[in-house]
C-alpha cells in the first residue's frame, strides 16, 4: 500500500480504538479490513454510505480499515486482521492465459483490460486466511467477483451473481430468527433492493438466514434465492449478504445491525448455527 493510505488507516485506527476505550468496550477489538476496490461495476453511493455507517460509534468492538487497493490482499496485510470484508468489491483475477480471449472472458475482465488483477499468490493468501480460522464477510457485489476462481466460489457457497431481475420493494423471508444477524427482524422484512439471483443455489452447503419471498415480486418459478447465509470454510467462517445495492439500504439501522452481527459471526465472536437444511 502507499504510505499515504497507511497513514490514513492508522489515523482511522487510533480514532476507532479511542472511541472504544471511552465507551468501556473490551480491548479485544475485531480487526476488519474492508475492501471496496472495484474492477467491475462500482456501487459508488452504497460504498460511500457504508463508509459513513461503519464506524466505532456503530460498533465500538470493531476497527474498520478501508482500502481501494487490491494489492492489500496479501499474507502480510491479512495477518493483521480477524475478518476480510469484501464490501461491494467487484474484483477480478489474473486469467490462466492473459493472451487468450476465451481465458480472459472466463474471468470477466473488462474490455479495456486491468492494471492490477488479483494474482494466484494473493488468492492463496485469502484461501489460507479463511481456511486457517479467520473470517470472510461478503456484501452484495462481493458475489459479483472473482469469476474463474473455484476456491472463492466454494468459500461463498457455490454461487456467484447471475442476474438481478428485480430492483424494487420486495418481501424478504427471515428463515432463522434465532441467529444474531437476523433475530432483530420479524418473520419478514420489506426492502427496496436490487435482488440478486445467483448462478448456483448455496442452500445445500450453507445455513440460510434470509431468502426472497417470490410471491412479493410475482416470480412463479418456485426457485430458491437465499439472500443471506453463513457457512464454514476449513476452520474459518463466512457470512454472505447479497443485499446492499442502495445507499438507503445502508442507512437502515436493521440492515446495518444485520451486517455487523454477521461480521461478528465471521470473526468467531458470536455463536451461530452453521447446520445446513
Protein backbone atom coordinates (compact mmCIF):
# COMPACT_ATOMS: atom_id res chain seq x y z
CA UNK A 1 0.00 0.00 0.00
CA UNK A 2 1.11 3.57 -0.47
CA UNK A 3 2.40 5.38 2.63
CA UNK A 4 -0.39 7.94 2.40
CA UNK A 5 -3.02 5.22 2.52
CA UNK A 6 -1.36 3.54 5.50
CA UNK A 7 -1.24 6.88 7.29
CA UNK A 8 -4.96 7.29 6.70
CA UNK A 9 -5.61 3.80 8.02
CA UNK A 10 -3.52 4.45 11.11
CA UNK A 11 -5.42 7.66 11.89
CA UNK A 12 -8.74 5.84 11.48
CA UNK A 13 -7.49 3.03 13.72
CA UNK A 14 -6.49 5.39 16.51
CA UNK A 15 -9.84 7.16 16.33
CA UNK A 16 -11.79 3.91 16.44
CA UNK A 17 -9.76 2.47 19.31
CA UNK A 18 -10.03 5.70 21.24
CA UNK A 19 -13.81 5.73 20.88
CA UNK A 20 -13.97 2.11 22.02
CA UNK A 21 -11.95 2.85 25.15
CA UNK A 22 -14.15 5.81 26.03
CA UNK A 23 -17.22 3.61 25.87
CA UNK A 24 -15.62 0.94 28.05
CA UNK A 25 -15.68 -1.80 25.43
CA UNK A 26 -13.38 -4.84 25.56
CA UNK A 27 -9.82 -4.37 24.35
CA UNK A 28 -10.09 -7.46 22.12
CA UNK A 29 -11.16 -5.46 19.09
CA UNK A 30 -12.35 -7.22 15.96
CA UNK A 31 -9.99 -6.02 13.24
CA UNK A 32 -11.75 -5.73 9.88
CA UNK A 33 -10.13 -5.00 6.53
CA UNK A 34 -12.85 -3.50 4.35
CA UNK A 35 -12.04 -3.79 0.65
CA UNK A 36 -14.12 -1.51 -1.59
CA UNK A 37 -11.91 -1.75 -4.68
CA UNK A 38 -13.84 -2.39 -7.88
CA UNK A 39 -12.77 -3.78 -11.23
CA UNK A 40 -16.31 -4.39 -12.46
CA UNK A 41 -19.42 -2.34 -11.73
CA UNK A 42 -18.99 0.19 -8.90
CA UNK A 43 -21.80 0.89 -6.41
CA UNK A 44 -20.50 4.38 -5.67
CA UNK A 45 -23.34 5.62 -3.46
CA UNK A 46 -23.65 2.39 -1.46
CA UNK A 47 -19.91 2.27 -0.81
CA UNK A 48 -19.91 5.90 0.36
CA UNK A 49 -22.87 5.26 2.66
CA UNK A 50 -21.25 2.13 4.10
CA UNK A 51 -18.11 4.10 4.98
CA UNK A 52 -20.27 6.62 6.83
CA UNK A 53 -22.02 3.85 8.76
CA UNK A 54 -19.12 1.52 9.55
CA UNK A 55 -17.64 3.48 12.41
CA UNK A 56 -16.61 2.94 16.03
CA UNK A 57 -19.84 4.62 17.09
CA UNK A 58 -21.83 1.93 15.29
CA UNK A 59 -19.60 -0.91 16.51
CA UNK A 60 -17.25 0.01 19.38
CA UNK A 61 -15.87 -3.54 19.39
CA UNK A 62 -14.59 -3.25 15.81
CA UNK A 63 -11.84 -1.45 13.95
CA UNK A 64 -12.54 -0.84 10.27
CA UNK A 65 -9.65 -0.16 7.90
CA UNK A 66 -10.77 0.73 4.37
CA UNK A 67 -8.76 0.23 1.21
CA UNK A 68 -9.29 0.70 -2.51
CA UNK A 69 -6.05 -1.10 -3.30
CA UNK A 70 -6.33 -4.77 -4.39
CA UNK A 71 -2.64 -5.14 -3.56
CA UNK A 72 -3.64 -5.11 0.12
CA UNK A 73 -4.82 -8.69 -0.35
CA UNK A 74 -1.58 -10.33 0.68
CA UNK A 75 -0.42 -12.51 3.55
CA UNK A 76 1.47 -9.76 5.35
CA UNK A 77 -1.52 -7.42 5.42
CA UNK A 78 -4.19 -10.03 6.09
CA UNK A 79 -2.40 -11.43 9.14
CA UNK A 80 -3.19 -8.16 10.93
CA UNK A 81 -6.96 -8.78 10.69
CA UNK A 82 -9.70 -11.03 12.00
CA UNK A 83 -12.14 -10.51 9.12
CA UNK A 84 -11.76 -9.69 5.45
CA UNK A 85 -14.86 -7.75 4.35
CA UNK A 86 -15.45 -7.62 0.58
CA UNK A 87 -17.88 -4.70 0.54
CA UNK A 88 -19.36 -4.30 -2.95
CA UNK A 89 -15.90 -5.08 -4.32
CA UNK A 90 -16.11 -6.45 -7.86
CA UNK A 91 -12.57 -7.79 -8.10
CA UNK A 92 -11.13 -9.89 -10.91
CA UNK A 93 -8.35 -12.46 -11.01
CA UNK A 94 -5.47 -12.92 -13.40
CA UNK A 95 -6.70 -15.15 -16.26
CA UNK A 96 -4.98 -18.51 -16.79
CA UNK A 97 -3.78 -17.30 -20.18
CA UNK A 98 -3.85 -13.48 -20.50
CA UNK A 99 -3.20 -13.74 -24.27
CA UNK A 100 -6.21 -15.99 -24.92
CA UNK A 101 -9.55 -14.23 -25.40
CA UNK A 102 -11.54 -17.20 -24.06
CA UNK A 103 -9.40 -17.29 -20.91
CA UNK A 104 -9.83 -13.55 -20.39
CA UNK A 105 -13.59 -13.79 -20.92
CA UNK A 106 -13.86 -16.61 -18.36
CA UNK A 107 -12.74 -14.30 -15.55
CA UNK A 108 -14.92 -11.43 -16.84
CA UNK A 109 -12.23 -8.86 -17.43
CA UNK A 110 -13.47 -5.54 -18.78
CA UNK A 111 -12.72 -4.96 -22.45
CA UNK A 112 -10.27 -2.22 -21.55
CA UNK A 113 -8.21 -4.69 -19.50
CA UNK A 114 -6.98 -4.44 -15.91
CA UNK A 115 -3.87 -2.92 -14.40
CA UNK A 116 -3.96 -4.79 -11.09
CA UNK A 117 -5.86 -8.11 -11.14
CA UNK A 118 -5.68 -10.37 -8.10
CA UNK A 119 -2.84 -12.81 -8.65
CA UNK A 120 -2.69 -16.51 -7.79
CA UNK A 121 -0.37 -15.70 -4.88
CA UNK A 122 -2.97 -13.29 -3.50
CA UNK A 123 -5.70 -15.88 -3.99
CA UNK A 124 -3.69 -18.37 -1.96
CA UNK A 125 -3.28 -15.76 0.78
CA UNK A 126 -7.06 -15.27 1.00
CA UNK A 127 -7.72 -19.01 0.99
CA UNK A 128 -5.24 -19.58 3.82
CA UNK A 129 -6.59 -16.62 5.79
CA UNK A 130 -10.11 -18.05 5.91
CA UNK A 131 -9.26 -21.76 5.95
CA UNK A 132 -6.90 -21.34 8.90
CA UNK A 133 -9.54 -19.78 11.15
CA UNK A 134 -10.27 -16.18 10.22
CA UNK A 135 -13.47 -14.72 8.80
CA UNK A 136 -14.80 -13.58 5.43
CA UNK A 137 -17.76 -11.22 5.02
CA UNK A 138 -19.21 -10.57 1.57
CA UNK A 139 -21.88 -7.97 0.78
CA UNK A 140 -23.85 -7.53 -2.46
CA UNK A 141 -21.47 -7.32 -5.43
CA UNK A 142 -18.76 -9.08 -3.47
CA UNK A 143 -20.64 -12.01 -5.02
CA UNK A 144 -20.13 -10.44 -8.48
CA UNK A 145 -16.41 -11.05 -8.25
CA UNK A 146 -13.53 -13.46 -8.70
CA UNK A 147 -15.03 -15.35 -11.63
CA UNK A 148 -12.93 -18.32 -12.65
CA UNK A 149 -11.58 -18.82 -9.13
CA UNK A 150 -13.07 -22.11 -7.95
CA UNK A 151 -11.95 -21.81 -4.32
CA UNK A 152 -13.66 -18.44 -3.92
CA UNK A 153 -16.85 -19.84 -5.39
CA UNK A 154 -16.60 -22.66 -2.83
CA UNK A 155 -15.95 -20.21 0.02
CA UNK A 156 -19.11 -18.22 -0.70
CA UNK A 157 -21.35 -21.26 -1.02
CA UNK A 158 -21.01 -22.16 -4.68
CA UNK A 159 -22.98 -19.32 -6.28
CA UNK A 160 -21.93 -16.06 -7.90
CA UNK A 161 -24.01 -13.32 -9.49
CA UNK A 162 -26.15 -14.42 -12.41
CA UNK A 163 -28.78 -11.69 -12.76
CA UNK A 164 -30.82 -9.08 -10.90
CA UNK A 165 -34.32 -9.43 -12.36
CA UNK A 166 -35.94 -7.25 -9.70
CA UNK A 167 -34.92 -3.82 -8.43
CA UNK A 168 -37.90 -2.83 -6.34
CA UNK A 169 -39.54 -3.16 -2.97
CA UNK A 170 -39.98 -6.82 -2.05
CA UNK A 171 -40.50 -9.05 0.95
CA UNK A 172 -37.61 -10.95 2.44
CA UNK A 173 -38.34 -14.07 4.49
CA UNK A 174 -36.33 -14.41 7.70
CA UNK A 175 -35.58 -18.13 7.88
CA UNK A 176 -33.55 -18.19 11.10
CA UNK A 177 -34.96 -15.84 13.72
CA UNK A 178 -32.55 -17.14 16.36
CA UNK A 179 -29.39 -16.16 14.53
CA UNK A 180 -27.75 -12.99 15.93
CA UNK A 181 -27.67 -11.46 12.44
CA UNK A 182 -31.45 -11.79 11.96
CA UNK A 183 -33.02 -12.08 15.44
CA UNK A 184 -33.95 -8.37 15.44
CA UNK A 185 -36.19 -8.86 12.39
CA UNK A 186 -39.70 -10.22 12.47
CA UNK A 187 -40.81 -13.17 10.29
CA UNK A 188 -40.15 -10.99 7.24
CA UNK A 189 -38.82 -7.59 6.28
CA UNK A 190 -39.62 -5.36 3.30
CA UNK A 191 -36.72 -3.78 1.46
CA UNK A 192 -36.28 -1.76 -1.70
CA UNK A 193 -33.27 -3.51 -3.21
CA UNK A 194 -31.60 -4.92 -6.27
CA UNK A 195 -32.25 -8.63 -5.77
CA UNK A 196 -29.51 -10.95 -6.92
CA UNK A 197 -30.19 -14.38 -8.37
CA UNK A 198 -27.04 -16.48 -8.01
CA UNK A 199 -25.92 -18.99 -10.62
CA UNK A 200 -25.89 -21.80 -8.06
CA UNK A 201 -28.12 -22.20 -5.01
CA UNK A 202 -25.92 -22.07 -1.85
CA UNK A 203 -28.54 -23.71 0.39
CA UNK A 204 -27.04 -27.21 0.19
CA UNK A 205 -23.71 -26.04 1.63
CA UNK A 206 -24.80 -23.11 3.80
CA UNK A 207 -27.07 -22.12 6.66
CA UNK A 208 -29.61 -19.76 5.12
CA UNK A 209 -30.67 -16.74 7.19
CA UNK A 210 -32.88 -14.86 4.72
CA UNK A 211 -34.38 -15.54 1.30
CA UNK A 212 -36.53 -13.76 -1.24
CA UNK A 213 -40.29 -14.24 -0.99
CA UNK A 214 -41.05 -14.86 -4.66
CA UNK A 215 -44.75 -14.03 -4.24
CA UNK A 216 -43.78 -10.44 -3.44
CA UNK A 217 -42.17 -9.99 -6.87
CA UNK A 218 -44.54 -12.09 -8.93
CA UNK A 219 -41.97 -14.79 -9.68
CA UNK A 220 -43.86 -18.04 -10.27
CA UNK A 221 -40.81 -20.22 -10.98
CA UNK A 222 -40.75 -21.76 -7.47
CA UNK A 223 -36.97 -21.36 -7.43
CA UNK A 224 -34.89 -20.73 -4.32
CA UNK A 225 -32.98 -17.48 -3.80
CA UNK A 226 -31.11 -17.16 -0.49
CA UNK A 227 -30.09 -13.58 0.28
CA UNK A 228 -28.04 -14.00 3.45
CA UNK A 229 -26.31 -17.10 4.76
CA UNK A 230 -23.35 -18.36 6.76
CA UNK A 231 -21.05 -21.31 6.27
CA UNK A 232 -17.76 -22.76 7.40
CA UNK A 233 -14.67 -22.94 5.23
CA UNK A 234 -11.97 -25.06 6.82
CA UNK A 235 -11.51 -23.60 10.30
CA UNK A 236 -12.90 -20.24 9.23
CA UNK A 237 -16.37 -18.73 8.93
CA UNK A 238 -18.09 -16.97 6.05
CA UNK A 239 -21.01 -14.52 6.10
CA UNK A 240 -22.65 -13.56 2.81
CA UNK A 241 -25.39 -10.95 2.37
CA UNK A 242 -26.26 -10.12 -1.24
CA UNK A 243 -28.37 -7.14 -0.21
CA UNK A 244 -26.72 -3.72 -0.05
CA UNK A 245 -27.16 -2.20 -3.51
CA UNK A 246 -28.58 1.14 -2.38
CA UNK A 247 -27.18 3.78 -0.03
CA UNK A 248 -30.62 3.84 1.60
CA UNK A 249 -30.24 0.17 2.47
CA UNK A 250 -27.07 1.00 4.37
CA UNK A 251 -28.87 3.83 6.15
CA UNK A 252 -31.35 1.37 7.63
CA UNK A 253 -30.42 0.51 11.20
CA UNK A 254 -31.84 -3.01 10.88
CA UNK A 255 -29.70 -3.75 7.83
CA UNK A 256 -26.58 -2.29 9.43
CA UNK A 257 -27.14 -4.37 12.57
CA UNK A 258 -27.51 -7.50 10.46
CA UNK A 259 -24.19 -6.85 8.69
CA UNK A 260 -22.36 -6.04 11.92
CA UNK A 261 -23.65 -9.18 13.58
CA UNK A 262 -22.66 -11.15 10.51
CA UNK A 263 -19.11 -9.79 10.83
CA UNK A 264 -19.04 -10.82 14.49
CA UNK A 265 -20.13 -14.32 13.48
CA UNK A 266 -17.40 -14.42 10.82
CA UNK A 267 -14.89 -13.33 13.46
CA UNK A 268 -15.99 -16.16 15.73
CA UNK A 269 -17.17 -13.77 18.45
CA UNK A 270 -20.83 -14.79 18.30
CA UNK A 271 -22.11 -18.37 18.37
CA UNK A 272 -24.23 -19.43 15.42
CA UNK A 273 -25.86 -22.50 13.93
CA UNK A 274 -23.97 -23.42 10.78
CA UNK A 275 -26.01 -26.52 10.01
CA UNK A 276 -27.45 -26.97 6.52
CA UNK A 277 -31.08 -27.85 5.83
